[in-house]
Amino acid sequence: MIGEKLVLIGVEIAKIFAEMAPFLLAGFLLSGILYVLVPNALIRRALGGKGMKPVVKAAFVGIPLPLCSCGALPMALSLRRQGASRGATVSFLVSTPETGVDSILITYGLLGPILAIVRPVAAMLTAVLCGLAQEALPARDEPEPVGDDCCTVCNGENGEAHAHSAGEKAGRAIQYAFVELLEDSARWLVVGIVLAGIIAAFLTPDFVSTKMGSPFVQMGLMLIVGIPMYTCASASTPIAAAFIGAGFSPGAALVFLLVGPATNATTITFVARFLGKRSAALFVASIAAVSVGFGLLLDASIHAFGWRIASGAAPSSNEVTTILQVVAAIILAVLIVVSIVRSFARRHSHQHAH
């Protein structure tokens, strides 16, 4: 029995890692490109400072990007390090994985035009409200980041006064993405993925496919299933369609669509590590509260206006996607192992030096 559970946990970890790998690699690469091409001063002007404006900007920036939460994590971390406010960082971290151009199209195909419109609107508003909640939280976990105006390619002063070749910029982007940023993230990624695999082995969609009379019970169950599990925006759509087909309310499905992609063990671990434990608790609580609010509002609107919500069948995955996931997983696994070994060797040599 224990052996079977361990095998199941191992399989779930492998599946989650394979699903995450392409998005993580894309997220790290985009982070490197963003780090090199966008000056620190511009980030601070756009997403820095307090209040609603940078939070709303971050939500709008994140909505169209086709990245899951794991792909958004390195980008959010990079933005934070370059001077983005805590509220703007969380707003970006919520809006980016909750929806994208690809998931909106899938939502239209599986769940119809109503949810295809409601989903991105709810995602943007959720991101803004969660970001504003972070802004209201006193900054006691860590000091606000202080950016500098050094060149991101050579770290020289007065970065805007000189130029670098495309090759130098590309090399620096790769160095930052897959060495510096990955080294800071590797251990936390491993912890989060293992936790997500353990949870996924015991909490599956089958667990919720029973008779649930009250929408509050359904939404509560969506929170229990959706918060810790890893589901990208596209993958969560057919699951939500299956929930509706099994008798769940569209509002409960919307809760899963909002919570599932935005929160998982990896994301929560990252927020706790880089923004603080209180921020992580508020991150989960605010997303849960706002998502349930939008779920109840959707159910009430459907009842009042007679809207019809479709529940199509989930499309099957293809061989090209599987091959891409395997290749990306192998590359990412090698990068993580090298990064952890390098970090361990650096700490070991530092201890011997002292």
Protein backbone atom coordinates (compact mmCIF):
# COMPACT_ATOMS: atom_id res chain seq x y z
CA MET A 1 0.00 0.00 0.00
CA ILE A 2 2.77 2.43 0.97
CA GLY A 3 4.75 1.38 -2.09
CA GLU A 4 1.78 2.06 -4.38
CA LYS A 5 1.33 5.51 -2.87
CA LEU A 6 5.00 6.32 -3.32
CA VAL A 7 4.81 5.25 -6.96
CA LEU A 8 1.68 7.39 -7.42
CA ILE A 9 3.39 10.39 -5.84
CA GLY A 10 6.41 9.86 -8.10
CA VAL A 11 4.21 9.68 -11.18
CA GLU A 12 2.36 12.86 -10.17
CA ILE A 13 5.63 14.71 -9.57
CA ALA A 14 6.90 13.62 -13.00
CA LYS A 15 3.64 14.69 -14.69
CA ILE A 16 3.61 18.06 -12.95
CA PHE A 17 7.26 18.66 -13.73
CA ALA A 18 6.73 17.78 -17.41
CA GLU A 19 3.71 20.10 -17.62
CA MET A 20 5.56 22.94 -15.94
CA ALA A 21 8.90 22.61 -17.75
CA PRO A 22 8.10 24.36 -21.08
CA PHE A 23 6.42 27.26 -19.28
CA LEU A 24 9.21 27.57 -16.73
CA LEU A 25 11.89 27.64 -19.43
CA ALA A 26 9.88 30.24 -21.36
CA GLY A 27 9.37 32.26 -18.20
CA PHE A 28 13.06 32.25 -17.31
CA LEU A 29 14.03 33.20 -20.88
CA LEU A 30 11.48 36.03 -21.00
CA SER A 31 12.80 37.20 -17.64
CA GLY A 32 16.33 37.35 -19.00
CA ILE A 33 15.20 39.27 -22.07
CA LEU A 34 13.13 41.61 -19.90
CA TYR A 35 16.04 42.15 -17.52
CA VAL A 36 18.41 43.14 -20.34
CA LEU A 37 16.08 45.18 -22.54
CA VAL A 38 14.02 47.07 -19.95
CA PRO A 39 15.99 49.61 -17.85
CA ASN A 40 15.53 49.46 -14.09
CA ALA A 41 14.43 53.06 -14.00
CA LEU A 42 11.60 52.34 -16.45
CA ILE A 43 10.36 49.43 -14.30
CA ARG A 44 10.34 51.62 -11.22
CA ARG A 45 8.44 54.36 -13.03
CA ALA A 46 5.83 51.95 -14.46
CA LEU A 47 5.31 49.46 -11.64
CA GLY A 48 7.02 51.09 -8.69
CA GLY A 49 5.48 53.27 -6.05
CA LYS A 50 2.36 52.82 -4.00
CA GLY A 51 -1.32 52.93 -4.83
CA MET A 52 -3.65 51.64 -7.51
CA LYS A 53 -1.93 52.82 -10.71
CA PRO A 54 1.04 50.39 -10.80
CA VAL A 55 -1.22 47.56 -9.61
CA VAL A 56 -3.66 48.14 -12.49
CA LYS A 57 -0.80 48.46 -14.98
CA ALA A 58 0.66 45.14 -13.83
CA ALA A 59 -2.74 43.44 -14.19
CA PHE A 60 -3.13 44.72 -17.77
CA VAL A 61 0.42 43.64 -18.63
CA GLY A 62 -0.17 40.11 -17.31
CA ILE A 63 -3.58 39.39 -18.87
CA PRO A 64 -2.51 38.66 -22.49
CA LEU A 65 0.69 36.75 -21.68
CA PRO A 66 0.30 32.99 -22.37
CA LEU A 67 2.20 31.90 -19.25
CA CYS A 68 1.13 29.67 -16.38
CA SER A 69 1.93 30.53 -12.77
CA CYS A 70 5.29 28.78 -12.99
CA GLY A 71 6.25 30.73 -16.09
CA ALA A 72 5.13 33.96 -14.42
CA LEU A 73 7.13 33.31 -11.24
CA PRO A 74 10.60 34.14 -12.59
CA MET A 75 9.22 37.17 -14.43
CA ALA A 76 7.51 38.44 -11.28
CA LEU A 77 10.71 37.90 -9.29
CA SER A 78 12.69 39.79 -11.89
CA LEU A 79 10.19 42.69 -11.84
CA ARG A 80 10.36 42.76 -8.05
CA ARG A 81 14.16 42.91 -8.08
CA GLN A 82 14.08 45.76 -10.58
CA GLY A 83 11.94 47.93 -8.34
CA ALA A 84 8.31 46.86 -8.88
CA SER A 85 6.13 47.39 -5.81
CA ARG A 86 4.86 44.42 -3.83
CA GLY A 87 1.28 45.11 -4.93
CA ALA A 88 2.25 45.34 -8.60
CA THR A 89 4.30 42.13 -8.31
CA VAL A 90 1.34 40.22 -6.86
CA SER A 91 -1.05 41.77 -9.39
CA PHE A 92 1.17 40.52 -12.21
CA LEU A 93 1.55 37.13 -10.53
CA VAL A 94 -2.24 36.74 -10.34
CA SER A 95 -3.36 38.11 -13.71
CA THR A 96 -0.71 36.40 -15.86
CA PRO A 97 -1.52 32.74 -15.10
CA GLU A 98 -5.29 33.15 -14.66
CA THR A 99 -5.88 33.82 -18.33
CA GLY A 100 -4.22 34.44 -21.69
CA VAL A 101 -5.07 34.57 -25.37
CA ASP A 102 -4.87 30.78 -25.67
CA SER A 103 -7.01 30.05 -22.61
CA ILE A 104 -9.64 32.59 -23.65
CA LEU A 105 -10.04 30.78 -26.99
CA ILE A 106 -10.25 27.40 -25.24
CA THR A 107 -12.81 28.82 -22.81
CA TYR A 108 -14.95 30.04 -25.72
CA GLY A 109 -14.77 26.61 -27.37
CA LEU A 110 -15.56 24.58 -24.25
CA LEU A 111 -17.67 26.86 -22.07
CA GLY A 112 -19.18 29.38 -24.48
CA PRO A 113 -18.99 33.16 -24.93
CA ILE A 114 -20.29 34.12 -21.47
CA LEU A 115 -17.40 32.57 -19.56
CA ALA A 116 -14.96 33.59 -22.30
CA ILE A 117 -15.82 37.20 -21.40
CA VAL A 118 -16.33 36.77 -17.66
CA ARG A 119 -13.07 34.89 -17.11
CA PRO A 120 -10.53 37.55 -18.23
CA VAL A 121 -12.56 40.37 -16.67
CA ALA A 122 -12.72 38.50 -13.35
CA ALA A 123 -9.00 37.67 -13.62
CA MET A 124 -8.05 41.31 -14.08
CA LEU A 125 -10.25 42.51 -11.22
CA THR A 126 -8.97 39.71 -8.97
CA ALA A 127 -5.38 40.74 -9.71
CA VAL A 128 -6.10 44.40 -8.93
CA LEU A 129 -7.92 43.65 -5.67
CA CYS A 130 -5.22 41.19 -4.51
CA GLY A 131 -2.51 43.70 -5.39
CA LEU A 132 -4.25 46.46 -3.46
CA ALA A 133 -4.58 44.13 -0.48
CA GLN A 134 -0.80 43.65 -0.56
CA GLU A 135 -0.29 47.41 -0.71
CA ALA A 136 -2.35 47.76 2.48
CA LEU A 137 -0.12 45.25 4.28
CA PRO A 138 2.65 46.92 6.32
CA ALA A 139 6.06 46.05 4.87
CA ARG A 140 7.61 44.27 7.86
CA ASP A 141 8.65 40.99 6.23
CA GLU A 142 11.31 42.57 4.05
CA PRO A 143 12.40 46.03 2.94
CA GLU A 144 11.14 47.35 -0.37
CA PRO A 145 13.72 46.71 -3.13
CA VAL A 146 15.94 49.57 -4.14
CA GLY A 147 16.75 49.49 -7.83
CA ASP A 148 19.78 51.05 -9.44
CA ASP A 149 20.49 52.61 -12.79
CA CYS A 150 23.50 50.46 -13.61
CA CYS A 151 23.66 48.84 -17.04
CA THR A 152 22.01 45.42 -16.84
CA VAL A 153 24.52 43.96 -19.32
CA CYS A 154 27.85 45.03 -17.81
CA ASN A 155 26.73 46.50 -14.46
CA GLY A 156 28.52 49.71 -15.38
CA GLU A 157 27.33 53.08 -14.19
CA ASN A 158 25.16 55.39 -16.27
CA GLY A 159 23.67 52.43 -18.16
CA GLU A 160 21.74 54.47 -20.72
CA ALA A 161 24.86 56.33 -21.89
CA HIS A 162 26.48 53.43 -23.72
CA ALA A 163 25.41 50.51 -25.90
CA HIS A 164 26.12 46.78 -26.28
CA SER A 165 25.94 44.43 -29.24
CA ALA A 166 23.06 42.02 -29.75
CA GLY A 167 25.36 39.12 -28.92
CA GLU A 168 26.40 40.69 -25.61
CA LYS A 169 22.78 41.32 -24.70
CA ALA A 170 21.75 37.77 -25.62
CA GLY A 171 24.59 36.29 -23.60
CA ARG A 172 23.73 38.41 -20.58
CA ALA A 173 20.03 37.50 -20.87
CA ILE A 174 20.85 33.77 -20.86
CA GLN A 175 23.33 34.22 -18.01
CA TYR A 176 20.79 36.05 -15.88
CA ALA A 177 17.89 33.71 -16.72
CA PHE A 178 19.47 30.28 -16.43
CA VAL A 179 22.28 30.93 -13.95
CA GLU A 180 21.52 33.79 -11.56
CA LEU A 181 17.72 33.67 -11.45
CA LEU A 182 17.51 29.88 -11.62
CA GLU A 183 20.09 29.48 -8.86
CA ASP A 184 17.94 31.63 -6.56
CA SER A 185 14.84 29.62 -7.47
CA ALA A 186 16.00 26.02 -7.91
CA ARG A 187 15.63 24.75 -4.33
CA TRP A 188 12.23 26.36 -3.90
CA LEU A 189 11.07 24.94 -7.21
CA VAL A 190 12.01 21.44 -6.09
CA VAL A 191 10.23 21.86 -2.75
CA GLY A 192 7.11 23.24 -4.40
CA ILE A 193 6.96 20.56 -7.09
CA VAL A 194 7.36 17.75 -4.56
CA LEU A 195 4.61 19.24 -2.37
CA ALA A 196 2.35 19.67 -5.39
CA GLY A 197 2.98 16.04 -6.41
CA ILE A 198 2.11 14.74 -2.94
CA ILE A 199 -1.09 16.78 -2.87
CA ALA A 200 -2.07 15.81 -6.42
CA ALA A 201 -1.68 12.13 -5.53
CA PHE A 202 -4.38 12.45 -2.87
CA LEU A 203 -6.58 15.27 -4.24
CA THR A 204 -7.80 14.50 -7.76
CA PRO A 205 -10.79 15.79 -9.77
CA ASP A 206 -12.50 12.46 -9.02
CA PHE A 207 -12.64 13.52 -5.39
CA VAL A 208 -15.16 16.27 -6.24
CA SER A 209 -17.32 14.31 -8.69
CA THR A 210 -19.98 13.49 -6.06
CA LYS A 211 -23.34 15.03 -5.20
CA MET A 212 -22.89 18.55 -3.86
CA GLY A 213 -26.11 20.44 -3.27
CA SER A 214 -24.96 23.83 -2.00
CA PRO A 215 -22.94 26.21 -4.22
CA PHE A 216 -21.01 27.22 -1.09
CA VAL A 217 -19.96 23.61 -0.55
CA GLN A 218 -18.99 23.31 -4.22
CA MET A 219 -16.96 26.52 -4.12
CA GLY A 220 -15.32 25.51 -0.86
CA LEU A 221 -14.31 22.23 -2.44
CA MET A 222 -12.95 24.09 -5.48
CA LEU A 223 -10.76 26.11 -3.12
CA ILE A 224 -9.52 22.97 -1.37
CA VAL A 225 -8.68 21.31 -4.69
CA GLY A 226 -7.59 24.38 -6.67
CA ILE A 227 -5.36 26.25 -4.22
CA PRO A 228 -2.61 23.63 -3.71
CA MET A 229 -2.75 21.87 -7.10
CA TYR A 230 -0.85 22.89 -10.21
CA THR A 231 -3.13 23.65 -13.17
CA CYS A 232 -2.32 26.08 -15.96
CA ALA A 233 -5.07 28.27 -17.42
CA SER A 234 -5.49 26.11 -20.52
CA ALA A 235 -5.44 22.79 -18.65
CA SER A 236 -7.91 24.04 -16.04
CA THR A 237 -10.52 24.82 -18.70
CA PRO A 238 -11.46 21.22 -19.66
CA ILE A 239 -11.44 20.31 -15.95
CA ALA A 240 -13.89 23.14 -15.27
CA ALA A 241 -16.04 21.93 -18.16
CA ALA A 242 -16.07 18.45 -16.62
CA PHE A 243 -17.11 19.92 -13.26
CA ILE A 244 -20.05 21.72 -14.90
CA GLY A 245 -21.02 18.58 -16.79
CA ALA A 246 -21.03 16.66 -13.49
CA GLY A 247 -23.51 19.13 -11.97
CA PHE A 248 -21.34 21.81 -10.40
CA SER A 249 -22.54 25.40 -10.77
CA PRO A 250 -20.77 27.65 -13.30
CA GLY A 251 -19.81 29.89 -10.37
CA ALA A 252 -17.99 27.00 -8.70
CA ALA A 253 -16.21 26.26 -11.99
CA LEU A 254 -15.19 29.92 -12.22
CA VAL A 255 -13.69 29.69 -8.73
CA PHE A 256 -11.55 26.80 -9.95
CA LEU A 257 -10.59 28.70 -13.13
CA LEU A 258 -9.41 31.67 -11.07
CA VAL A 259 -7.82 29.88 -8.12
CA GLY A 260 -6.31 26.83 -9.85
CA PRO A 261 -3.93 28.62 -12.24
CA ALA A 262 -2.99 31.44 -9.84
CA THR A 263 -2.19 29.37 -6.76
CA ASN A 264 -0.29 26.16 -6.18
CA ALA A 265 2.31 24.85 -3.77
CA THR A 266 5.15 26.24 -5.89
CA THR A 267 3.67 29.73 -6.19
CA ILE A 268 2.81 29.94 -2.49
CA THR A 269 6.33 28.83 -1.59
CA PHE A 270 7.80 31.49 -3.89
CA VAL A 271 5.63 34.27 -2.46
CA ALA A 272 6.54 33.26 1.09
CA ARG A 273 10.24 33.20 0.20
CA PHE A 274 10.50 36.46 -1.73
CA LEU A 275 7.66 38.59 -0.32
CA GLY A 276 7.26 37.18 3.18
CA LYS A 277 5.02 34.73 5.01
CA ARG A 278 2.33 37.29 5.79
CA SER A 279 2.21 38.25 2.13
CA ALA A 280 1.82 34.58 1.19
CA ALA A 281 -1.08 34.15 3.63
CA LEU A 282 -2.77 37.30 2.31
CA PHE A 283 -2.07 36.17 -1.27
CA VAL A 284 -4.02 32.93 -0.75
CA ALA A 285 -6.80 34.47 1.36
CA SER A 286 -7.48 37.38 -1.00
CA ILE A 287 -7.57 35.21 -4.12
CA ALA A 288 -9.92 32.76 -2.39
CA ALA A 289 -12.27 35.49 -1.14
CA VAL A 290 -12.41 37.42 -4.42
CA SER A 291 -12.84 34.23 -6.49
CA VAL A 292 -15.79 33.06 -4.37
CA GLY A 293 -17.31 36.52 -4.68
CA PHE A 294 -17.10 36.40 -8.47
CA GLY A 295 -18.44 32.84 -8.45
CA LEU A 296 -21.52 33.86 -6.46
CA LEU A 297 -22.00 36.90 -8.72
CA LEU A 298 -21.85 34.70 -11.84
CA ASP A 299 -24.41 32.23 -10.47
CA ALA A 300 -26.72 35.10 -9.51
CA SER A 301 -26.35 36.68 -12.97
CA ILE A 302 -27.07 33.37 -14.71
CA HIS A 303 -30.23 32.97 -12.62
CA ALA A 304 -31.31 36.58 -13.23
CA PHE A 305 -30.60 36.81 -16.96
CA GLY A 306 -31.06 33.18 -18.02
CA TRP A 307 -27.56 32.80 -19.44
CA ARG A 308 -26.62 29.39 -20.81
CA ILE A 309 -23.17 27.96 -20.05
CA ALA A 310 -21.80 25.18 -22.27
CA SER A 311 -19.73 22.24 -20.99
CA GLY A 312 -17.80 20.74 -23.89
CA ALA A 313 -15.55 17.70 -23.83
CA ALA A 314 -11.89 18.03 -23.02
CA PRO A 315 -9.54 17.83 -26.01
CA SER A 316 -6.91 15.12 -25.93
CA SER A 317 -3.22 15.96 -25.84
CA ASN A 318 -1.12 15.32 -28.91
CA GLU A 319 2.24 13.65 -29.44
CA VAL A 320 4.04 16.88 -30.29
CA THR A 321 3.08 18.41 -26.96
CA THR A 322 4.24 15.28 -25.12
CA ILE A 323 7.62 15.29 -26.87
CA LEU A 324 8.04 19.00 -26.16
CA GLN A 325 7.26 18.45 -22.48
CA VAL A 326 9.75 15.58 -22.18
CA VAL A 327 12.56 17.52 -23.87
CA ALA A 328 11.84 20.62 -21.80
CA ALA A 329 11.71 18.55 -18.60
CA ILE A 330 15.10 16.98 -19.33
CA ILE A 331 16.67 20.37 -20.06
CA LEU A 332 15.15 21.95 -16.96
CA ALA A 333 16.14 19.01 -14.74
CA VAL A 334 19.77 19.30 -15.88
CA LEU A 335 19.75 23.07 -15.30
CA ILE A 336 18.28 22.66 -11.81
CA VAL A 337 20.77 19.96 -10.81
CA VAL A 338 23.71 22.02 -12.09
CA SER A 339 22.36 25.09 -10.31
CA ILE A 340 21.93 23.28 -6.98
CA VAL A 341 25.40 21.71 -7.24
CA ARG A 342 26.94 25.08 -8.07
CA SER A 343 25.16 26.74 -5.15
CA PHE A 344 26.23 23.98 -2.77
CA ALA A 345 29.85 24.17 -3.96
CA ARG A 346 29.87 27.94 -3.50
CA ARG A 347 28.54 27.69 0.07
CA HIS A 348 30.99 24.87 0.84
CA SER A 349 34.00 26.86 -0.38
CA HIS A 350 32.75 29.93 1.47
CA GLN A 351 32.54 27.96 4.75
CA HIS A 352 36.06 26.62 4.26
CA ALA A 353 37.35 30.12 3.53
CA HIS A 354 36.10 31.22 6.94
